């Protein structure tokens, strides 16, 4: 069983939690920016196709 009063264990646990938090923040920001890029690309594509079809 883990000794929760051990300062080394608490230090390692805190570092791990901080590391996981930073990792999750980084990956979620990358996913959000990529989704924004895709949405912009799709809106440009739909806007361009609507313009070309309106001439017909």
N, C-alpha and C. Protein backbone atom coordinates (compact mmCIF):
# COMPACT_ATOMS: atom_id res chain seq x y z
N UNK A 1 0.84 -1.18 0.00
CA UNK A 1 0.00 0.00 0.00
C UNK A 1 0.88 1.24 0.00
N UNK A 2 0.43 2.28 -0.67
CA UNK A 2 1.21 3.52 -0.76
C UNK A 2 1.11 4.30 0.54
N UNK A 3 2.23 4.90 0.92
CA UNK A 3 2.27 5.75 2.10
C UNK A 3 2.04 7.19 1.64
N UNK A 4 0.83 7.70 1.84
CA UNK A 4 0.45 9.01 1.33
C UNK A 4 1.15 10.16 2.05
N UNK A 5 1.84 9.88 3.15
CA UNK A 5 2.57 10.93 3.85
C UNK A 5 4.00 11.06 3.33
N UNK A 6 4.40 10.20 2.40
CA UNK A 6 5.75 10.24 1.82
C UNK A 6 5.87 11.45 0.90
N UNK A 7 6.78 12.39 1.21
CA UNK A 7 6.89 13.60 0.39
C UNK A 7 7.34 13.31 -1.04
N UNK A 8 8.15 12.30 -1.25
CA UNK A 8 8.60 11.96 -2.60
C UNK A 8 7.44 11.46 -3.46
N UNK A 9 6.56 10.68 -2.86
CA UNK A 9 5.39 10.19 -3.58
C UNK A 9 4.47 11.36 -3.95
N UNK A 10 4.25 12.26 -3.01
CA UNK A 10 3.39 13.41 -3.29
C UNK A 10 4.00 14.31 -4.35
N UNK A 11 5.31 14.47 -4.31
CA UNK A 11 6.00 15.29 -5.32
C UNK A 11 5.86 14.65 -6.70
N UNK A 12 6.09 13.35 -6.78
CA UNK A 12 5.96 12.64 -8.06
C UNK A 12 4.52 12.68 -8.56
N UNK A 13 3.57 12.55 -7.66
CA UNK A 13 2.16 12.60 -8.03
C UNK A 13 1.79 13.98 -8.56
N UNK A 14 2.25 15.02 -7.89
CA UNK A 14 1.96 16.39 -8.33
C UNK A 14 2.57 16.66 -9.70
N UNK A 15 3.81 16.23 -9.91
CA UNK A 15 4.47 16.43 -11.20
C UNK A 15 3.73 15.67 -12.30
N UNK A 16 3.29 14.47 -12.00
CA UNK A 16 2.55 13.68 -12.98
C UNK A 16 1.22 14.34 -13.34
N UNK A 17 0.51 14.83 -12.34
CA UNK A 17 -0.77 15.47 -12.59
C UNK A 17 -0.59 16.75 -13.41
N UNK A 18 0.44 17.53 -13.07
CA UNK A 18 0.72 18.75 -13.84
C UNK A 18 1.09 18.39 -15.27
N UNK A 19 1.92 17.38 -15.44
CA UNK A 19 2.32 16.94 -16.78
C UNK A 19 1.13 16.48 -17.61
N UNK A 20 0.25 15.71 -17.00
CA UNK A 20 -0.95 15.26 -17.71
C UNK A 20 -1.85 16.44 -18.07
N UNK A 21 -1.97 17.40 -17.17
CA UNK A 21 -2.78 18.58 -17.45
C UNK A 21 -2.23 19.37 -18.62
N UNK A 22 -0.92 19.58 -18.63
CA UNK A 22 -0.29 20.31 -19.74
C UNK A 22 -0.45 19.53 -21.04
N UNK A 23 -0.27 18.23 -20.99
CA UNK A 23 -0.43 17.40 -22.18
C UNK A 23 -1.84 17.45 -22.73
N UNK A 24 -2.82 17.36 -21.85
CA UNK A 24 -4.22 17.43 -22.28
C UNK A 24 -4.55 18.81 -22.85
N UNK A 25 -4.04 19.87 -22.22
CA UNK A 25 -4.27 21.22 -22.73
C UNK A 25 -3.68 21.36 -24.13
N UNK A 26 -2.44 20.86 -24.31
CA UNK A 26 -1.76 20.99 -25.59
C UNK A 26 -2.50 20.24 -26.69
N UNK A 27 -2.86 18.99 -26.42
CA UNK A 27 -3.52 18.18 -27.46
C UNK A 27 -4.91 18.75 -27.77
N UNK A 28 -5.63 19.24 -26.75
CA UNK A 28 -6.96 19.79 -27.03
C UNK A 28 -6.86 21.09 -27.82
N UNK A 29 -5.83 21.90 -27.55
CA UNK A 29 -5.68 23.13 -28.33
C UNK A 29 -5.30 22.81 -29.77
N UNK A 30 -4.49 21.77 -29.98
CA UNK A 30 -4.14 21.37 -31.35
C UNK A 30 -5.37 20.86 -32.09
N UNK A 31 -6.20 20.08 -31.42
CA UNK A 31 -7.41 19.56 -32.05
C UNK A 31 -8.37 20.70 -32.39
N UNK A 32 -8.53 21.65 -31.44
CA UNK A 32 -9.42 22.79 -31.70
C UNK A 32 -8.94 23.62 -32.88
N UNK A 33 -7.63 23.87 -32.96
CA UNK A 33 -7.13 24.67 -34.08
C UNK A 33 -7.28 23.93 -35.40
N UNK A 34 -7.08 22.62 -35.38
CA UNK A 34 -7.24 21.83 -36.60
C UNK A 34 -8.70 21.81 -37.04
N UNK A 35 -9.62 21.68 -36.11
CA UNK A 35 -11.05 21.72 -36.45
C UNK A 35 -11.43 23.08 -37.02
N UNK A 36 -10.86 24.14 -36.47
CA UNK A 36 -11.14 25.48 -36.99
C UNK A 36 -10.64 25.61 -38.42
N UNK A 37 -9.44 25.08 -38.71
CA UNK A 37 -8.91 25.11 -40.07
C UNK A 37 -9.82 24.36 -41.03
N UNK A 38 -10.27 23.19 -40.63
CA UNK A 38 -11.13 22.38 -41.49
C UNK A 38 -12.46 23.09 -41.73
N UNK A 39 -13.03 23.69 -40.69
CA UNK A 39 -14.29 24.41 -40.86
C UNK A 39 -14.13 25.59 -41.80
N UNK A 40 -13.01 26.32 -41.68
CA UNK A 40 -12.76 27.44 -42.59
C UNK A 40 -12.60 26.95 -44.02
N UNK A 41 -11.89 25.86 -44.20
CA UNK A 41 -11.69 25.31 -45.54
C UNK A 41 -13.02 24.86 -46.13
N UNK A 42 -13.84 24.22 -45.33
CA UNK A 42 -15.14 23.76 -45.82
C UNK A 42 -16.06 24.94 -46.14
N UNK A 43 -16.03 25.98 -45.32
CA UNK A 43 -16.89 27.13 -45.59
C UNK A 43 -16.44 27.84 -46.86
N UNK A 44 -15.13 27.89 -47.11
CA UNK A 44 -14.64 28.48 -48.36
C UNK A 44 -15.07 27.63 -49.54
N UNK A 45 -14.97 26.31 -49.40
CA UNK A 45 -15.36 25.42 -50.49
C UNK A 45 -16.84 25.57 -50.79
N UNK A 46 -17.68 25.58 -49.75
CA UNK A 46 -19.12 25.71 -49.97
C UNK A 46 -19.45 27.09 -50.53
N UNK A 47 -18.74 28.11 -50.07
CA UNK A 47 -18.97 29.45 -50.59
C UNK A 47 -18.56 29.55 -52.04
N UNK A 48 -17.42 28.94 -52.42
CA UNK A 48 -16.97 28.96 -53.81
C UNK A 48 -17.91 28.18 -54.70
N UNK A 49 -18.37 27.02 -54.26
CA UNK A 49 -19.25 26.21 -55.10
C UNK A 49 -20.61 26.89 -55.27
N UNK A 50 -21.06 27.62 -54.27
CA UNK A 50 -22.33 28.35 -54.39
C UNK A 50 -22.19 29.48 -55.40
N UNK A 51 -21.04 30.13 -55.43
CA UNK A 51 -20.81 31.21 -56.38
C UNK A 51 -20.74 30.69 -57.81
N UNK A 52 -20.09 29.55 -58.02
CA UNK A 52 -19.95 29.03 -59.38
C UNK A 52 -21.27 28.49 -59.91
N UNK A 53 -22.12 27.94 -59.04
CA UNK A 53 -23.39 27.39 -59.49
C UNK A 53 -24.44 28.48 -59.70
N UNK A 54 -24.25 29.64 -59.13
CA UNK A 54 -25.25 30.70 -59.31
C UNK A 54 -25.19 31.29 -60.71
N UNK A 55 -24.07 31.09 -61.43
CA UNK A 55 -23.94 31.59 -62.79
C UNK A 55 -24.72 30.75 -63.79
N UNK A 56 -25.02 29.53 -63.45
CA UNK A 56 -25.67 28.61 -64.40
C UNK A 56 -27.13 28.89 -64.59
